Amino acid sequence: MPKPNRDDRSNNVERLEQMVENTHQNIQEANETAENMNLTASQREQIKEKNQHRQESIEQFQNEIQEEKAYREGRDLQ
């Protein structure tokens, strides 16, 4: 029977930081699309709502980053 994977948190901070960067880029690209494309008001509203959700995700990622950094520091002290 295979051994279950251990909880490898060694790269969580970097992975989360990359997710924040990618999400910022998605917001920027969506804003550029909204500005440069001939979109309906409804389409622009959808982009605005999606970007709001993306911003909320960024905040959650940043909270997770802080938690992971605290976890790392706690493990380093042991």
PDB file of N, CA and C in Angstrom:
ATOM      1  N   MET A   1       0.842  -1.185   0.000  1.00  0.00           N
ATOM      2  CA  MET A   1       0.000   0.000   0.000  1.00  0.00           C
ATOM      3  C   MET A   1       0.889   1.252   0.000  1.00  0.00           C
ATOM      4  N   PRO A   2       0.653   2.194  -0.931  1.00  0.00           N
ATOM      5  CA  PRO A   2       1.521   3.379  -0.999  1.00  0.00           C
ATOM      6  C   PRO A   2       1.347   4.261   0.232  1.00  0.00           C
ATOM      7  N   LYS A   3       2.438   4.874   0.578  1.00  0.00           N
ATOM      8  CA  LYS A   3       2.453   5.787   1.710  1.00  0.00           C
ATOM      9  C   LYS A   3       1.744   7.086   1.324  1.00  0.00           C
ATOM     10  N   PRO A   4       0.895   7.629   2.190  1.00  0.00           N
ATOM     11  CA  PRO A   4       0.230   8.897   1.846  1.00  0.00           C
ATOM     12  C   PRO A   4       1.251  10.032   1.768  1.00  0.00           C
ATOM     13  N   ASN A   5       0.980  10.974   0.896  1.00  0.00           N
ATOM     14  CA  ASN A   5       1.874  12.131   0.755  1.00  0.00           C
ATOM     15  C   ASN A   5       1.839  12.949   2.031  1.00  0.00           C
ATOM     16  N   ARG A   6       3.008  13.349   2.477  1.00  0.00           N
ATOM     17  CA  ARG A   6       3.059  14.222   3.644  1.00  0.00           C
ATOM     18  C   ARG A   6       2.694  15.646   3.220  1.00  0.00           C
ATOM     19  N   ASP A   7       2.325  16.436   4.162  1.00  0.00           N
ATOM     20  CA  ASP A   7       1.935  17.818   3.896  1.00  0.00           C
ATOM     21  C   ASP A   7       3.191  18.638   3.622  1.00  0.00           C
ATOM     22  N   ASP A   8       3.529  18.817   2.355  1.00  0.00           N
ATOM     23  CA  ASP A   8       4.724  19.562   1.963  1.00  0.00           C
ATOM     24  C   ASP A   8       4.363  21.028   1.785  1.00  0.00           C
ATOM     25  N   ARG A   9       4.697  21.819   2.779  1.00  0.00           N
ATOM     26  CA  ARG A   9       4.373  23.242   2.751  1.00  0.00           C
ATOM     27  C   ARG A   9       5.596  24.081   2.410  1.00  0.00           C
ATOM     28  N   SER A  10       6.640  23.453   1.949  1.00  0.00           N
ATOM     29  CA  SER A  10       7.906  24.147   1.764  1.00  0.00           C
ATOM     30  C   SER A  10       7.842  25.262   0.723  1.00  0.00           C
ATOM     31  N   ASN A  11       6.952  25.149  -0.265  1.00  0.00           N
ATOM     32  CA  ASN A  11       6.908  26.192  -1.299  1.00  0.00           C
ATOM     33  C   ASN A  11       5.570  26.923  -1.337  1.00  0.00           C
ATOM     34  N   ASN A  12       4.785  26.820  -0.282  1.00  0.00           N
ATOM     35  CA  ASN A  12       3.465  27.452  -0.289  1.00  0.00           C
ATOM     36  C   ASN A  12       3.524  28.967  -0.437  1.00  0.00           C
ATOM     37  N   VAL A  13       4.451  29.612   0.244  1.00  0.00           N
ATOM     38  CA  VAL A  13       4.536  31.077   0.161  1.00  0.00           C
ATOM     39  C   VAL A  13       4.819  31.500  -1.273  1.00  0.00           C
ATOM     40  N   GLU A  14       5.793  30.865  -1.888  1.00  0.00           N
ATOM     41  CA  GLU A  14       6.144  31.218  -3.265  1.00  0.00           C
ATOM     42  C   GLU A  14       4.997  30.917  -4.230  1.00  0.00           C
ATOM     43  N   ARG A  15       4.343  29.806  -4.011  1.00  0.00           N
ATOM     44  CA  ARG A  15       3.219  29.426  -4.876  1.00  0.00           C
ATOM     45  C   ARG A  15       2.079  30.439  -4.724  1.00  0.00           C
ATOM     46  N   LEU A  16       1.780  30.830  -3.503  1.00  0.00           N
ATOM     47  CA  LEU A  16       0.717  31.813  -3.266  1.00  0.00           C
ATOM     48  C   LEU A  16       1.089  33.180  -3.835  1.00  0.00           C
ATOM     49  N   GLU A  17       2.347  33.569  -3.693  1.00  0.00           N
ATOM     50  CA  GLU A  17       2.787  34.845  -4.258  1.00  0.00           C
ATOM     51  C   GLU A  17       2.641  34.851  -5.776  1.00  0.00           C
ATOM     52  N   GLN A  18       2.932  33.716  -6.403  1.00  0.00           N
ATOM     53  CA  GLN A  18       2.758  33.614  -7.857  1.00  0.00           C
ATOM     54  C   GLN A  18       1.279  33.714  -8.218  1.00  0.00           C
ATOM     55  N   MET A  19       0.423  33.126  -7.402  1.00  0.00           N
ATOM     56  CA  MET A  19      -1.020  33.204  -7.647  1.00  0.00           C
ATOM     57  C   MET A  19      -1.508  34.656  -7.544  1.00  0.00           C
ATOM     58  N   VAL A  20      -0.977  35.407  -6.581  1.00  0.00           N
ATOM     59  CA  VAL A  20      -1.331  36.822  -6.444  1.00  0.00           C
ATOM     60  C   VAL A  20      -0.904  37.573  -7.699  1.00  0.00           C
ATOM     61  N   GLU A  21       0.317  37.339  -8.149  1.00  0.00           N
ATOM     62  CA  GLU A  21       0.829  38.007  -9.348  1.00  0.00           C
ATOM     63  C   GLU A  21      -0.025  37.673 -10.575  1.00  0.00           C
ATOM     64  N   ASN A  22      -0.350  36.399 -10.733  1.00  0.00           N
ATOM     65  CA  ASN A  22      -1.178  35.983 -11.868  1.00  0.00           C
ATOM     66  C   ASN A  22      -2.560  36.628 -11.817  1.00  0.00           C
ATOM     67  N   THR A  23      -3.121  36.722 -10.634  1.00  0.00           N
ATOM     68  CA  THR A  23      -4.454  37.313 -10.492  1.00  0.00           C
ATOM     69  C   THR A  23      -4.412  38.806 -10.782  1.00  0.00           C
ATOM     70  N   HIS A  24      -3.362  39.498 -10.315  1.00  0.00           N
ATOM     71  CA  HIS A  24      -3.193  40.916 -10.666  1.00  0.00           C
ATOM     72  C   HIS A  24      -3.117  41.082 -12.185  1.00  0.00           C
ATOM     73  N   GLN A  25      -2.387  40.205 -12.833  1.00  0.00           N
ATOM     74  CA  GLN A  25      -2.253  40.275 -14.287  1.00  0.00           C
ATOM     75  C   GLN A  25      -3.604  40.048 -14.961  1.00  0.00           C
ATOM     76  N   ASN A  26      -4.387  39.101 -14.455  1.00  0.00           N
ATOM     77  CA  ASN A  26      -5.721  38.858 -15.017  1.00  0.00           C
ATOM     78  C   ASN A  26      -6.626  40.071 -14.864  1.00  0.00           C
ATOM     79  N   ILE A  27      -6.529  40.745 -13.731  1.00  0.00           N
ATOM     80  CA  ILE A  27      -7.322  41.964 -13.520  1.00  0.00           C
ATOM     81  C   ILE A  27      -6.917  43.019 -14.544  1.00  0.00           C
ATOM     82  N   GLN A  28      -5.617  43.210 -14.714  1.00  0.00           N
ATOM     83  CA  GLN A  28      -5.124  44.214 -15.653  1.00  0.00           C
ATOM     84  C   GLN A  28      -5.578  43.900 -17.078  1.00  0.00           C
ATOM     85  N   GLU A  29      -5.455  42.652 -17.476  1.00  0.00           N
ATOM     86  CA  GLU A  29      -5.868  42.264 -18.826  1.00  0.00           C
ATOM     87  C   GLU A  29      -7.368  42.448 -19.031  1.00  0.00           C
ATOM     88  N   ALA A  30      -8.153  42.126 -18.017  1.00  0.00           N
ATOM     89  CA  ALA A  30      -9.604  42.306 -18.119  1.00  0.00           C
ATOM     90  C   ALA A  30      -9.949  43.787 -18.239  1.00  0.00           C
ATOM     91  N   ASN A  31      -9.258  44.634 -17.478  1.00  0.00           N
ATOM     92  CA  ASN A  31      -9.501  46.079 -17.566  1.00  0.00           C
ATOM     93  C   ASN A  31      -9.138  46.607 -18.952  1.00  0.00           C
ATOM     94  N   GLU A  32      -8.029  46.129 -19.502  1.00  0.00           N
ATOM     95  CA  GLU A  32      -7.635  46.555 -20.845  1.00  0.00           C
ATOM     96  C   GLU A  32      -8.669  46.112 -21.869  1.00  0.00           C
ATOM     97  N   THR A  33      -9.190  44.912 -21.713  1.00  0.00           N
ATOM     98  CA  THR A  33     -10.229  44.419 -22.617  1.00  0.00           C
ATOM     99  C   THR A  33     -11.468  45.299 -22.524  1.00  0.00           C
ATOM    100  N   ALA A  34     -11.850  45.629 -21.305  1.00  0.00           N
ATOM    101  CA  ALA A  34     -13.046  46.452 -21.106  1.00  0.00           C
ATOM    102  C   ALA A  34     -12.880  47.834 -21.724  1.00  0.00           C
ATOM    103  N   GLU A  35     -11.659  48.363 -21.673  1.00  0.00           N
ATOM    104  CA  GLU A  35     -11.405  49.697 -22.214  1.00  0.00           C
ATOM    105  C   GLU A  35     -11.265  49.699 -23.732  1.00  0.00           C
ATOM    106  N   ASN A  36     -10.687  48.666 -24.289  1.00  0.00           N
ATOM    107  CA  ASN A  36     -10.311  48.677 -25.697  1.00  0.00           C
ATOM    108  C   ASN A  36     -11.264  47.945 -26.629  1.00  0.00           C
ATOM    109  N   MET A  37     -12.168  47.166 -26.068  1.00  0.00           N
ATOM    110  CA  MET A  37     -13.080  46.408 -26.913  1.00  0.00           C
ATOM    111  C   MET A  37     -14.442  47.098 -26.931  1.00  0.00           C
ATOM    112  N   ASN A  38     -15.177  46.843 -27.977  1.00  0.00           N
ATOM    113  CA  ASN A  38     -16.524  47.374 -28.098  1.00  0.00           C
ATOM    114  C   ASN A  38     -17.470  46.408 -27.372  1.00  0.00           C
ATOM    115  N   LEU A  39     -17.641  46.625 -26.052  1.00  0.00           N
ATOM    116  CA  LEU A  39     -18.435  45.726 -25.224  1.00  0.00           C
ATOM    117  C   LEU A  39     -19.744  46.390 -24.810  1.00  0.00           C
ATOM    118  N   THR A  40     -20.711  45.560 -24.526  1.00  0.00           N
ATOM    119  CA  THR A  40     -21.986  46.090 -24.014  1.00  0.00           C
ATOM    120  C   THR A  40     -21.810  46.454 -22.546  1.00  0.00           C
ATOM    121  N   ALA A  41     -22.759  47.207 -22.040  1.00  0.00           N
ATOM    122  CA  ALA A  41     -22.733  47.570 -20.622  1.00  0.00           C
ATOM    123  C   ALA A  41     -22.772  46.319 -19.753  1.00  0.00           C
ATOM    124  N   SER A  42     -23.518  45.332 -20.184  1.00  0.00           N
ATOM    125  CA  SER A  42     -23.623  44.079 -19.440  1.00  0.00           C
ATOM    126  C   SER A  42     -22.277  43.357 -19.389  1.00  0.00           C
ATOM    127  N   GLN A  43     -21.589  43.335 -20.503  1.00  0.00           N
ATOM    128  CA  GLN A  43     -20.276  42.688 -20.543  1.00  0.00           C
ATOM    129  C   GLN A  43     -19.266  43.416 -19.655  1.00  0.00           C
ATOM    130  N   ARG A  44     -19.330  44.745 -19.690  1.00  0.00           N
ATOM    131  CA  ARG A  44     -18.437  45.532 -18.832  1.00  0.00           C
ATOM    132  C   ARG A  44     -18.742  45.278 -17.354  1.00  0.00           C
ATOM    133  N   GLU A  45     -20.004  45.148 -17.021  1.00  0.00           N
ATOM    134  CA  GLU A  45     -20.408  44.871 -15.644  1.00  0.00           C
ATOM    135  C   GLU A  45     -19.910  43.495 -15.210  1.00  0.00           C
ATOM    136  N   GLN A  46     -19.970  42.520 -16.124  1.00  0.00           N
ATOM    137  CA  GLN A  46     -19.467  41.183 -15.810  1.00  0.00           C
ATOM    138  C   GLN A  46     -17.967  41.215 -15.512  1.00  0.00           C
ATOM    139  N   ILE A  47     -17.245  41.980 -16.297  1.00  0.00           N
ATOM    140  CA  ILE A  47     -15.802  42.120 -16.064  1.00  0.00           C
ATOM    141  C   ILE A  47     -15.557  42.776 -14.712  1.00  0.00           C
ATOM    142  N   LYS A  48     -16.325  43.805 -14.414  1.00  0.00           N
ATOM    143  CA  LYS A  48     -16.173  44.500 -13.137  1.00  0.00           C
ATOM    144  C   LYS A  48     -16.432  43.548 -11.966  1.00  0.00           C
ATOM    145  N   GLU A  49     -17.481  42.750 -12.067  1.00  0.00           N
ATOM    146  CA  GLU A  49     -17.810  41.802 -11.001  1.00  0.00           C
ATOM    147  C   GLU A  49     -16.723  40.730 -10.863  1.00  0.00           C
ATOM    148  N   LYS A  50     -16.245  40.240 -11.976  1.00  0.00           N
ATOM    149  CA  LYS A  50     -15.209  39.211 -11.940  1.00  0.00           C
ATOM    150  C   LYS A  50     -13.930  39.772 -11.325  1.00  0.00           C
ATOM    151  N   ASN A  51     -13.602  41.010 -11.661  1.00  0.00           N
ATOM    152  CA  ASN A  51     -12.419  41.626 -11.073  1.00  0.00           C
ATOM    153  C   ASN A  51     -12.583  41.837  -9.573  1.00  0.00           C
ATOM    154  N   GLN A  52     -13.801  42.106  -9.134  1.00  0.00           N
ATOM    155  CA  GLN A  52     -14.050  42.240  -7.696  1.00  0.00           C
ATOM    156  C   GLN A  52     -13.785  40.900  -7.006  1.00  0.00           C
ATOM    157  N   HIS A  53     -14.242  39.822  -7.609  1.00  0.00           N
ATOM    158  CA  HIS A  53     -13.980  38.484  -7.058  1.00  0.00           C
ATOM    159  C   HIS A  53     -12.480  38.185  -7.058  1.00  0.00           C
ATOM    160  N   ARG A  54     -11.811  38.612  -8.105  1.00  0.00           N
ATOM    161  CA  ARG A  54     -10.359  38.409  -8.175  1.00  0.00           C
ATOM    162  C   ARG A  54      -9.661  39.170  -7.056  1.00  0.00           C
ATOM    163  N   GLN A  55     -10.108  40.387  -6.802  1.00  0.00           N
ATOM    164  CA  GLN A  55      -9.509  41.187  -5.732  1.00  0.00           C
ATOM    165  C   GLN A  55      -9.734  40.514  -4.380  1.00  0.00           C
ATOM    166  N   GLU A  56     -10.915  39.958  -4.166  1.00  0.00           N
ATOM    167  CA  GLU A  56     -11.186  39.230  -2.933  1.00  0.00           C
ATOM    168  C   GLU A  56     -10.267  38.015  -2.814  1.00  0.00           C
ATOM    169  N   SER A  57     -10.023  37.344  -3.917  1.00  0.00           N
ATOM    170  CA  SER A  57      -9.112  36.202  -3.913  1.00  0.00           C
ATOM    171  C   SER A  57      -7.700  36.637  -3.536  1.00  0.00           C
ATOM    172  N   ILE A  58      -7.270  37.767  -4.055  1.00  0.00           N
ATOM    173  CA  ILE A  58      -5.941  38.286  -3.727  1.00  0.00           C
ATOM    174  C   ILE A  58      -5.826  38.518  -2.226  1.00  0.00           C
ATOM    175  N   GLU A  59      -6.853  39.097  -1.630  1.00  0.00           N
ATOM    176  CA  GLU A  59      -6.837  39.341  -0.188  1.00  0.00           C
ATOM    177  C   GLU A  59      -6.734  38.027   0.577  1.00  0.00           C
ATOM    178  N   GLN A  60      -7.454  37.009   0.127  1.00  0.00           N
ATOM    179  CA  GLN A  60      -7.384  35.703   0.776  1.00  0.00           C
ATOM    180  C   GLN A  60      -5.995  35.085   0.605  1.00  0.00           C
ATOM    181  N   PHE A  61      -5.428  35.204  -0.596  1.00  0.00           N
ATOM    182  CA  PHE A  61      -4.074  34.694  -0.826  1.00  0.00           C
ATOM    183  C   PHE A  61      -3.079  35.387   0.112  1.00  0.00           C
ATOM    184  N   GLN A  62      -3.224  36.697   0.267  1.00  0.00           N
ATOM    185  CA  GLN A  62      -2.296  37.442   1.115  1.00  0.00           C
ATOM    186  C   GLN A  62      -2.420  37.011   2.575  1.00  0.00           C
ATOM    187  N   ASN A  63      -3.637  36.726   3.017  1.00  0.00           N
ATOM    188  CA  ASN A  63      -3.820  36.209   4.375  1.00  0.00           C
ATOM    189  C   ASN A  63      -3.139  34.848   4.520  1.00  0.00           C
ATOM    190  N   GLU A  64      -3.302  34.003   3.517  1.00  0.00           N
ATOM    191  CA  GLU A  64      -2.663  32.683   3.543  1.00  0.00           C
ATOM    192  C   GLU A  64      -1.143  32.815   3.547  1.00  0.00           C
ATOM    193  N   ILE A  65      -0.625  33.776   2.795  1.00  0.00           N
ATOM    194  CA  ILE A  65       0.823  33.998   2.766  1.00  0.00           C
ATOM    195  C   ILE A  65       1.318  34.331   4.169  1.00  0.00           C
ATOM    196  N   GLN A  66       0.598  35.215   4.859  1.00  0.00           N
ATOM    197  CA  GLN A  66       0.997  35.582   6.222  1.00  0.00           C
ATOM    198  C   GLN A  66       0.963  34.367   7.147  1.00  0.00           C
ATOM    199  N   GLU A  67      -0.066  33.533   7.005  1.00  0.00           N
ATOM    200  CA  GLU A  67      -0.164  32.328   7.821  1.00  0.00           C
ATOM    201  C   GLU A  67       0.988  31.371   7.528  1.00  0.00           C
ATOM    202  N   GLU A  68       1.305  31.204   6.263  1.00  0.00           N
ATOM    203  CA  GLU A  68       2.395  30.302   5.896  1.00  0.00           C
ATOM    204  C   GLU A  68       3.740  30.826   6.382  1.00  0.00           C
ATOM    205  N   LYS A  69       3.941  32.133   6.301  1.00  0.00           N
ATOM    206  CA  LYS A  69       5.192  32.710   6.803  1.00  0.00           C
ATOM    207  C   LYS A  69       5.304  32.497   8.308  1.00  0.00           C
ATOM    208  N   ALA A  70       4.207  32.669   9.025  1.00  0.00           N
ATOM    209  CA  ALA A  70       4.212  32.445  10.474  1.00  0.00           C
ATOM    210  C   ALA A  70       4.500  30.981  10.775  1.00  0.00           C
ATOM    211  N   TYR A  71       3.931  30.083   9.982  1.00  0.00           N
ATOM    212  CA  TYR A  71       4.177  28.655  10.162  1.00  0.00           C
ATOM    213  C   TYR A  71       5.656  28.341   9.950  1.00  0.00           C
ATOM    214  N   ARG A  72       6.230  28.914   8.898  1.00  0.00           N
ATOM    215  CA  ARG A  72       7.653  28.701   8.609  1.00  0.00           C
ATOM    216  C   ARG A  72       8.527  29.191   9.756  1.00  0.00           C
ATOM    217  N   GLU A  73       8.215  30.393  10.234  1.00  0.00           N
ATOM    218  CA  GLU A  73       9.014  30.970  11.315  1.00  0.00           C
ATOM    219  C   GLU A  73       8.911  30.116  12.570  1.00  0.00           C
ATOM    220  N   GLY A  74       7.724  29.606  12.845  1.00  0.00           N
ATOM    221  CA  GLY A  74       7.530  28.744  14.000  1.00  0.00           C
ATOM    222  C   GLY A  74       8.304  27.448  13.873  1.00  0.00           C
ATOM    223  N   ARG A  75       8.339  26.896  12.675  1.00  0.00           N
ATOM    224  CA  ARG A  75       9.079  25.650  12.438  1.00  0.00           C
ATOM    225  C   ARG A  75      10.577  25.909  12.512  1.00  0.00           C
ATOM    226  N   ASP A  76      11.017  27.078  12.054  1.00  0.00           N
ATOM    227  CA  ASP A  76      12.445  27.387  12.093  1.00  0.00           C
ATOM    228  C   ASP A  76      12.942  27.578  13.529  1.00  0.00           C
ATOM    229  N   LEU A  77      12.049  28.009  14.408  1.00  0.00           N
ATOM    230  CA  LEU A  77      12.440  28.230  15.803  1.00  0.00           C
ATOM    231  C   LEU A  77      12.546  26.922  16.573  1.00  0.00           C
ATOM    232  N   GLN A  78      11.937  25.867  16.060  1.00  0.00           N
ATOM    233  CA  GLN A  78      11.952  24.593  16.793  1.00  0.00           C
ATOM    234  C   GLN A  78      13.233  23.847  16.578  1.00  0.00           C
TER     235      GLN A  78
END
